[in-house]
Amino acid sequence: MHRSDWITVFPIVVVIAGCGEPRAAHPDASALFNCTSNADCDDHIGCTADNCGAGGVCAHSPIDSMCTAPARCVVGVGCSSTMSCTDSSMCSDGVDCTLDTCNVGNVCGHQAIHSNCAPPNSVCDLVMGCIPGSTPDCTSSSQCDDGVSCTIDTCTVGMTCSHMPVDTMCMSGERCDASSGCQTHHSCATAADCMPAGQTWWNFCDGDPMCDTEFGCSFPTARACHDADPCTVDSCDRTMGANGACVFACDSSRPECMCPTAGPTCAGHFQLTPTPMGGCALGSVHWNLSTIQIDNVDGALTVHVPSGLSSSGSMDTGSSTMTCPTFTATRNIPGGCIEDYTITATFSDDDHLNGTFTTNFTPNSMGCLGCTFHSYSFTGVRIP
């Protein structure tokens, strides 16, 4: 056993003036010393080994295997799932992937650290240690709070967070929107009628609103950015570009992902999948981003759309935002329908990028018939 695994209790004695002989400081202290056999040291705790040591002093060594995991043997207490402690070194639970700490109130805490497990055993269980599975979103419902008061947030099967909107948690006449909370009913004819006053589009990360002419506006749920690549950390950045965008960053905490140490060149010809394409205004307004060409001149990027917008030309907002590896490019086309196009993307390596393409329109006359805001997520792969 390690030295930290046993405790020696030293006798407490009081010298009475005039007698010259020590005596026990309390009636039960005789059990702490002057033993002649192990039987004299029985502390009546089933998980300790009681021994009469050198000098006739009793020692009580905890035997964790005599308890049912995750409980451990605590001297003076017995089998306990909640260990008392004075420092974190006393809180080891024997599970390699947990962070063991001595918390407020001198109580041991154990936190599962999934990054301590390597695939395929990529989930840390508080009792079993590393077990097979994908890195979970949660291990308890307390980790799923989305800050929306009318949703019930739970850690569901597969260790993923679920946020269920509950309309009855709102005032009469309101509905619960999973991303923005309680909302009043909005009648509408088109999705554009669902925009807040003075706002012409939603942040991409909020998702797209929908209009049901009978039941009114259906507010969007938060955008889920998933590229099915276990080596990327997927998120939606509301501040990226003009309208937010998905971000797929290489997970450098996982050595098997072989994240590039040098940045990508951010230049070349790329195929976009799925292709952002569409049109309106009886075909006079149209867009097709099956491919894009990116030029990099001394770190300043220019994006060309060879497959076509309503008007040819590059998309460029200047070197301040058109830099590698994350860039935002815009194109404004004036006319009877003022067209605004935005590409925001990030290179994950030299041959791949992930991003969003958005369209927005402002009528200058009657030229915007059927033109509404659109958002597209895409993956770009280098082509010859």
Protein backbone atom coordinates (compact mmCIF):
# COMPACT_ATOMS: atom_id res chain seq x y z
CA MET A 1 0.00 0.00 0.00
CA HIS A 2 1.07 3.57 -0.58
CA ARG A 3 1.79 5.72 2.41
CA SER A 4 -1.31 7.81 1.63
CA ASP A 5 -3.53 4.71 1.90
CA TRP A 6 -3.22 4.25 5.67
CA ILE A 7 -3.61 6.40 8.75
CA THR A 8 -1.79 5.94 12.04
CA VAL A 9 -3.56 7.38 15.05
CA PHE A 10 -1.17 8.52 17.76
CA PRO A 11 -2.20 8.20 21.43
CA ILE A 12 -3.36 11.27 23.30
CA VAL A 13 -2.12 11.34 26.88
CA VAL A 14 -2.34 13.71 29.81
CA VAL A 15 0.27 13.76 32.59
CA ILE A 16 -1.30 14.27 36.00
CA ALA A 17 0.96 16.33 38.22
CA GLY A 18 2.33 14.29 41.05
CA CYS A 19 1.48 10.92 39.58
CA GLY A 20 4.06 10.69 36.81
CA GLU A 21 1.99 8.16 34.88
CA PRO A 22 0.12 8.86 31.60
CA ARG A 23 -3.59 8.10 31.36
CA ALA A 24 -6.11 8.23 28.55
CA ALA A 25 -7.53 11.67 27.74
CA HIS A 26 -11.00 10.16 27.21
CA PRO A 27 -12.57 6.80 28.15
CA ASP A 28 -12.31 5.28 24.68
CA ALA A 29 -8.69 6.25 24.09
CA SER A 30 -7.43 2.92 25.44
CA ALA A 31 -8.41 1.41 22.08
CA LEU A 32 -5.89 3.65 20.34
CA PHE A 33 -2.75 2.35 21.99
CA ASN A 34 -1.29 -0.28 24.28
CA CYS A 35 -2.56 -3.05 22.00
CA THR A 36 -1.04 -6.51 22.12
CA SER A 37 -2.95 -8.09 19.20
CA ASN A 38 -4.95 -7.03 16.14
CA ALA A 39 -8.13 -7.95 17.99
CA ASP A 40 -7.49 -5.06 20.37
CA CYS A 41 -7.75 -2.61 17.43
CA ASP A 42 -11.19 -3.48 16.04
CA ASP A 43 -12.83 -0.18 15.00
CA HIS A 44 -16.07 -1.94 14.01
CA ILE A 45 -15.75 -0.66 10.41
CA GLY A 46 -15.98 -3.55 7.98
CA CYS A 47 -13.81 -2.11 5.20
CA THR A 48 -10.67 -1.35 7.26
CA ALA A 49 -7.77 -3.64 8.10
CA ASP A 50 -7.10 -3.16 11.82
CA ASN A 51 -3.54 -3.93 12.93
CA CYS A 52 -1.56 -3.64 16.11
CA GLY A 53 1.60 -1.91 14.96
CA ALA A 54 4.98 -1.04 16.39
CA GLY A 55 4.90 0.41 19.87
CA GLY A 56 1.48 -1.09 20.55
CA VAL A 57 -0.27 1.52 18.38
CA CYS A 58 -3.36 0.63 16.34
CA ALA A 59 -3.40 1.33 12.59
CA HIS A 60 -6.55 1.25 10.44
CA SER A 61 -5.98 0.84 6.68
CA PRO A 62 -8.92 1.44 4.27
CA ILE A 63 -9.63 -1.39 1.76
CA ASP A 64 -11.63 0.13 -1.15
CA SER A 65 -12.29 -3.28 -2.74
CA MET A 66 -14.50 -4.17 0.23
CA CYS A 67 -16.95 -1.42 -0.88
CA THR A 68 -19.26 -1.34 -3.89
CA ALA A 69 -17.98 1.10 -6.53
CA PRO A 70 -18.02 4.03 -6.72
CA ALA A 71 -18.06 4.05 -2.90
CA ARG A 72 -14.68 3.98 -1.17
CA CYS A 73 -13.55 3.15 2.31
CA VAL A 74 -13.05 6.15 4.59
CA VAL A 75 -11.29 5.63 7.95
CA GLY A 76 -13.68 6.43 10.76
CA VAL A 77 -16.69 6.42 8.41
CA GLY A 78 -16.79 3.19 6.38
CA CYS A 79 -17.94 2.79 2.77
CA SER A 80 -18.89 6.19 1.43
CA SER A 81 -19.70 7.50 -2.05
CA THR A 82 -19.03 11.04 -0.89
CA MET A 83 -15.50 11.19 0.45
CA SER A 84 -14.36 13.84 2.87
CA CYS A 85 -11.09 15.49 1.99
CA THR A 86 -8.67 18.28 2.75
CA ASP A 87 -6.95 18.28 -0.66
CA SER A 88 -7.57 16.76 -4.10
CA SER A 89 -4.94 14.07 -3.67
CA MET A 90 -7.33 12.33 -1.25
CA CYS A 91 -10.09 12.10 -3.90
CA SER A 92 -8.69 9.66 -6.43
CA ASP A 93 -11.50 7.38 -7.62
CA GLY A 94 -9.24 5.06 -9.60
CA VAL A 95 -10.89 6.09 -12.90
CA ASP A 96 -8.21 7.44 -15.24
CA CYS A 97 -10.45 9.74 -17.28
CA THR A 98 -12.03 11.70 -14.40
CA LEU A 99 -10.90 14.93 -12.81
CA ASP A 100 -10.91 14.38 -9.05
CA THR A 101 -11.08 17.49 -6.86
CA CYS A 102 -11.65 18.42 -3.23
CA ASN A 103 -14.56 20.84 -3.38
CA VAL A 104 -16.30 23.28 -1.03
CA GLY A 105 -17.32 21.62 2.22
CA ASN A 106 -14.39 19.17 2.04
CA VAL A 107 -16.34 16.87 -0.28
CA CYS A 108 -14.73 15.03 -3.17
CA GLY A 109 -16.01 15.70 -6.67
CA HIS A 110 -15.43 13.67 -9.85
CA GLN A 111 -15.89 15.16 -13.34
CA ALA A 112 -15.86 13.07 -16.53
CA ILE A 113 -13.31 14.41 -19.03
CA HIS A 114 -14.16 12.85 -22.39
CA SER A 115 -11.02 14.22 -24.08
CA ASN A 116 -8.98 11.91 -21.82
CA CYS A 117 -10.37 8.96 -23.79
CA ALA A 118 -9.12 8.01 -27.24
CA PRO A 119 -11.40 6.51 -29.93
CA PRO A 120 -13.08 4.12 -30.15
CA ASN A 121 -13.41 4.42 -26.35
CA SER A 122 -14.23 8.11 -26.48
CA VAL A 123 -16.75 8.52 -23.65
CA CYS A 124 -15.73 8.80 -19.99
CA ASP A 125 -18.09 7.02 -17.59
CA LEU A 126 -17.74 8.00 -13.93
CA VAL A 127 -17.65 4.35 -12.84
CA MET A 128 -16.51 2.32 -15.86
CA GLY A 129 -13.93 4.76 -17.22
CA CYS A 130 -13.43 5.02 -20.99
CA ILE A 131 -16.17 3.25 -22.94
CA PRO A 132 -16.96 3.10 -26.69
CA GLY A 133 -19.04 5.90 -28.17
CA SER A 134 -19.02 9.39 -29.63
CA THR A 135 -18.14 12.33 -27.41
CA PRO A 136 -21.49 13.30 -25.81
CA ASP A 137 -23.06 16.71 -25.46
CA CYS A 138 -23.91 16.05 -21.82
CA THR A 139 -23.79 13.66 -18.91
CA SER A 140 -26.59 15.33 -16.91
CA SER A 141 -29.53 17.61 -17.68
CA SER A 142 -27.91 20.44 -15.73
CA GLN A 143 -25.42 20.77 -18.61
CA CYS A 144 -28.23 21.40 -21.14
CA ASP A 145 -29.63 24.73 -19.92
CA ASP A 146 -30.27 26.83 -23.05
CA GLY A 147 -31.32 29.95 -21.16
CA VAL A 148 -34.85 29.80 -22.64
CA SER A 149 -37.38 29.84 -19.80
CA CYS A 150 -40.18 27.98 -21.63
CA THR A 151 -38.18 24.93 -22.72
CA ILE A 152 -37.59 21.71 -20.80
CA ASP A 153 -33.90 20.90 -21.12
CA THR A 154 -32.87 17.27 -20.66
CA CYS A 155 -29.89 15.05 -21.31
CA THR A 156 -31.45 12.30 -23.42
CA VAL A 157 -30.45 8.89 -24.75
CA GLY A 158 -27.08 9.07 -26.46
CA MET A 159 -25.98 11.83 -24.10
CA THR A 160 -27.39 14.59 -26.33
CA CYS A 161 -29.24 17.68 -25.12
CA SER A 162 -32.94 18.04 -25.90
CA HIS A 163 -34.86 21.32 -25.61
CA MET A 164 -38.64 20.81 -25.71
CA PRO A 165 -40.75 23.98 -26.07
CA VAL A 166 -43.81 24.08 -23.79
CA ASP A 167 -46.44 26.66 -24.79
CA THR A 168 -48.20 26.47 -21.40
CA MET A 169 -45.12 28.00 -19.78
CA CYS A 170 -45.88 31.23 -21.68
CA MET A 171 -48.59 33.85 -21.22
CA SER A 172 -52.00 33.36 -22.84
CA GLY A 173 -51.77 33.96 -26.60
CA GLU A 174 -48.04 33.30 -26.72
CA ARG A 175 -46.16 30.32 -28.11
CA CYS A 176 -42.82 28.97 -26.99
CA ASP A 177 -40.04 29.28 -29.54
CA ALA A 178 -37.18 26.89 -28.76
CA SER A 179 -34.52 29.47 -29.58
CA SER A 180 -36.05 32.83 -28.62
CA GLY A 181 -38.56 31.98 -25.86
CA CYS A 182 -42.19 33.12 -25.56
CA GLN A 183 -43.49 34.83 -28.70
CA THR A 184 -46.85 36.40 -29.54
CA HIS A 185 -48.82 35.00 -32.49
CA HIS A 186 -47.94 36.64 -35.81
CA SER A 187 -50.28 36.39 -38.79
CA CYS A 188 -48.47 36.36 -42.11
CA ALA A 189 -48.73 35.95 -45.84
CA THR A 190 -45.04 35.22 -46.50
CA ALA A 191 -41.98 34.43 -44.39
CA ALA A 192 -40.89 38.05 -44.75
CA ASP A 193 -43.89 39.03 -42.57
CA CYS A 194 -42.34 37.08 -39.68
CA MET A 195 -39.32 39.36 -39.41
CA PRO A 196 -39.19 41.70 -36.39
CA ALA A 197 -39.95 45.33 -37.19
CA GLY A 198 -37.03 47.01 -38.91
CA GLN A 199 -35.22 43.73 -39.56
CA THR A 200 -34.86 42.32 -43.08
CA TRP A 201 -33.32 38.94 -42.25
CA TRP A 202 -32.65 36.53 -39.42
CA ASN A 203 -29.19 35.71 -38.18
CA PHE A 204 -28.22 32.50 -39.96
CA CYS A 205 -27.56 30.77 -36.62
CA ASP A 206 -31.21 31.30 -35.62
CA GLY A 207 -32.51 29.26 -38.54
CA ASP A 208 -35.14 30.33 -41.09
CA PRO A 209 -38.68 31.44 -40.14
CA MET A 210 -41.66 29.88 -41.92
CA CYS A 211 -45.16 31.17 -42.58
CA ASP A 212 -48.35 29.14 -42.40
CA THR A 213 -51.18 31.32 -43.68
CA GLU A 214 -53.63 29.61 -41.32
CA PHE A 215 -51.57 29.29 -38.13
CA GLY A 216 -49.19 32.23 -38.60
CA CYS A 217 -45.45 32.44 -38.18
CA SER A 218 -43.44 29.42 -37.16
CA PHE A 219 -40.31 30.63 -35.49
CA PRO A 220 -37.09 28.86 -36.37
CA THR A 221 -35.01 26.60 -34.20
CA ALA A 222 -31.33 27.25 -33.76
CA ARG A 223 -29.19 26.19 -36.69
CA ALA A 224 -27.52 22.81 -36.17
CA CYS A 225 -24.08 22.79 -37.78
CA HIS A 226 -22.91 19.20 -38.28
CA ASP A 227 -20.59 18.01 -41.03
CA ALA A 228 -20.43 14.34 -39.86
CA ASP A 229 -16.66 14.66 -39.51
CA PRO A 230 -15.53 13.37 -36.06
CA CYS A 231 -12.36 15.46 -36.37
CA THR A 232 -14.12 18.83 -36.43
CA VAL A 233 -15.64 20.91 -33.65
CA ASP A 234 -18.91 22.18 -35.14
CA SER A 235 -20.56 25.42 -34.07
CA CYS A 236 -22.54 28.35 -35.41
CA ASP A 237 -20.88 31.74 -34.97
CA ARG A 238 -23.46 34.54 -34.88
CA THR A 239 -20.76 37.18 -35.29
CA MET A 240 -19.08 35.70 -38.35
CA GLY A 241 -19.62 37.68 -41.52
CA ALA A 242 -22.69 39.80 -41.99
CA ASN A 243 -25.24 37.23 -40.86
CA GLY A 244 -23.54 34.41 -38.93
CA ALA A 245 -22.14 31.16 -40.29
CA CYS A 246 -21.32 27.54 -39.49
CA VAL A 247 -17.77 26.93 -38.30
CA PHE A 248 -16.08 23.55 -38.63
CA ALA A 249 -12.73 23.74 -36.84
CA CYS A 250 -10.26 20.88 -36.77
CA ASP A 251 -10.19 19.29 -33.30
CA SER A 252 -6.55 19.71 -32.35
CA SER A 253 -7.15 17.95 -28.99
CA ARG A 254 -7.40 14.62 -30.83
CA PRO A 255 -4.01 13.53 -32.20
CA GLU A 256 -5.58 11.09 -34.65
CA CYS A 257 -7.18 14.02 -36.50
CA MET A 258 -3.80 15.26 -37.76
CA CYS A 259 -4.83 18.90 -37.82
CA PRO A 260 -2.62 20.97 -40.12
CA THR A 261 -0.05 23.07 -38.33
CA ALA A 262 0.45 25.39 -41.28
CA GLY A 263 -2.46 27.44 -42.58
CA PRO A 264 -4.12 26.68 -45.94
CA THR A 265 -3.20 28.64 -49.04
CA CYS A 266 -6.81 29.83 -49.40
CA ALA A 267 -6.72 29.82 -53.19
CA GLY A 268 -8.04 27.65 -56.00
CA HIS A 269 -11.15 26.39 -57.76
CA PHE A 270 -13.78 24.75 -55.50
CA GLN A 271 -16.94 22.71 -56.11
CA LEU A 272 -19.77 23.63 -53.68
CA THR A 273 -22.11 20.93 -52.37
CA PRO A 274 -25.07 21.20 -52.15
CA THR A 275 -25.12 23.89 -54.82
CA PRO A 276 -26.67 27.20 -53.67
CA MET A 277 -28.94 28.09 -56.57
CA GLY A 278 -32.29 29.74 -57.22
CA GLY A 279 -34.07 32.64 -58.85
CA CYS A 280 -37.00 35.02 -58.70
CA ALA A 281 -38.49 38.06 -60.44
CA LEU A 282 -39.52 35.91 -63.41
CA GLY A 283 -35.93 34.78 -63.88
CA SER A 284 -34.37 38.23 -64.12
CA VAL A 285 -32.78 37.61 -60.70
CA HIS A 286 -30.84 34.36 -60.35
CA TRP A 287 -27.86 32.78 -58.60
CA ASN A 288 -25.87 29.59 -59.09
CA LEU A 289 -22.77 28.82 -57.00
CA SER A 290 -21.85 25.38 -58.29
CA THR A 291 -18.22 26.51 -58.27
CA ILE A 292 -16.22 29.46 -56.98
CA GLN A 293 -12.69 30.65 -57.77
CA ILE A 294 -10.62 32.19 -54.96
CA ASP A 295 -7.49 34.23 -55.65
CA ASN A 296 -4.99 35.05 -52.92
CA VAL A 297 -2.66 37.99 -53.53
CA ASP A 298 -0.38 38.68 -50.56
CA GLY A 299 -3.03 37.43 -48.15
CA ALA A 300 -5.90 39.50 -49.62
CA LEU A 301 -8.60 37.29 -51.18
CA THR A 302 -10.95 37.83 -54.09
CA VAL A 303 -13.86 35.47 -54.80
CA HIS A 304 -15.18 34.94 -58.34
CA VAL A 305 -18.42 33.16 -59.19
CA PRO A 306 -17.88 31.68 -62.68
CA SER A 307 -21.18 29.77 -62.60
CA GLY A 308 -23.12 32.99 -62.25
CA LEU A 309 -25.08 35.64 -60.40
CA SER A 310 -27.58 37.98 -62.07
CA SER A 311 -24.59 40.08 -63.07
CA SER A 312 -21.03 38.82 -63.54
CA GLY A 313 -18.19 40.04 -61.36
CA SER A 314 -16.19 39.31 -58.27
CA MET A 315 -17.38 39.30 -54.67
CA ASP A 316 -14.97 41.33 -52.61
CA THR A 317 -15.28 43.44 -49.47
CA GLY A 318 -11.61 44.35 -49.23
CA SER A 319 -8.63 42.88 -47.43
CA SER A 320 -9.97 43.76 -43.96
CA THR A 321 -12.36 40.77 -44.01
CA MET A 322 -11.10 38.89 -47.07
CA THR A 323 -8.22 37.18 -45.30
CA CYS A 324 -7.18 33.55 -44.88
CA PRO A 325 -8.47 31.18 -43.48
CA THR A 326 -11.90 32.75 -42.69
CA PHE A 327 -13.36 35.23 -45.12
CA THR A 328 -16.54 37.09 -45.98
CA ALA A 329 -17.28 38.23 -49.53
CA THR A 330 -20.24 40.33 -50.68
CA ARG A 331 -21.76 41.40 -54.00
CA ASN A 332 -24.34 44.15 -54.48
CA ILE A 333 -26.20 44.36 -57.79
CA PRO A 334 -28.34 47.50 -58.25
CA GLY A 335 -31.49 47.71 -60.35
CA GLY A 336 -35.22 47.48 -60.02
CA CYS A 337 -34.51 44.80 -57.40
CA ILE A 338 -31.38 45.54 -55.37
CA GLU A 339 -29.61 42.22 -54.86
CA ASP A 340 -27.24 41.53 -51.93
CA TYR A 341 -25.24 38.29 -51.89
CA THR A 342 -22.87 37.17 -49.12
CA ILE A 343 -20.46 34.24 -48.85
CA THR A 344 -18.87 33.47 -45.47
CA ALA A 345 -16.55 30.48 -45.27
CA THR A 346 -13.60 28.96 -43.43
CA PHE A 347 -10.87 26.74 -44.87
CA SER A 348 -10.46 23.60 -42.77
CA ASP A 349 -7.39 22.65 -44.80
CA ASP A 350 -5.86 23.47 -48.17
CA ASP A 351 -8.49 21.48 -50.11
CA HIS A 352 -11.70 21.99 -48.12
CA LEU A 353 -13.83 24.89 -46.92
CA ASN A 354 -17.20 25.13 -45.18
CA GLY A 355 -19.51 28.09 -45.25
CA THR A 356 -22.83 29.76 -45.97
CA PHE A 357 -24.29 31.71 -48.89
CA THR A 358 -27.13 34.20 -48.26
CA THR A 359 -29.36 36.25 -50.53
CA ASN A 360 -31.26 39.39 -49.60
CA PHE A 361 -33.35 41.74 -51.76
CA THR A 362 -34.61 45.33 -51.51
CA PRO A 363 -37.31 46.48 -53.96
CA ASN A 364 -36.38 49.61 -55.90
CA SER A 365 -39.50 49.29 -58.04
CA MET A 366 -41.61 46.26 -58.90
CA GLY A 367 -38.57 44.18 -59.80
CA CYS A 368 -38.41 41.89 -56.69
CA LEU A 369 -41.42 39.69 -57.42
CA GLY A 370 -41.10 36.51 -55.32
CA CYS A 371 -37.61 37.41 -54.06
CA THR A 372 -37.05 36.51 -50.37
CA PHE A 373 -34.13 35.94 -48.05
CA HIS A 374 -32.36 32.57 -48.40
CA SER A 375 -29.53 30.86 -46.48
CA TYR A 376 -27.52 27.91 -47.78
CA SER A 377 -24.86 25.83 -46.00
CA PHE A 378 -22.23 24.29 -48.25
CA THR A 379 -18.99 22.33 -48.32
CA GLY A 380 -16.33 23.25 -50.86
CA VAL A 381 -13.85 20.70 -52.28
CA ARG A 382 -10.90 21.66 -54.48
CA ILE A 383 -11.23 20.69 -58.14
CA PRO A 384 -8.71 20.97 -61.02
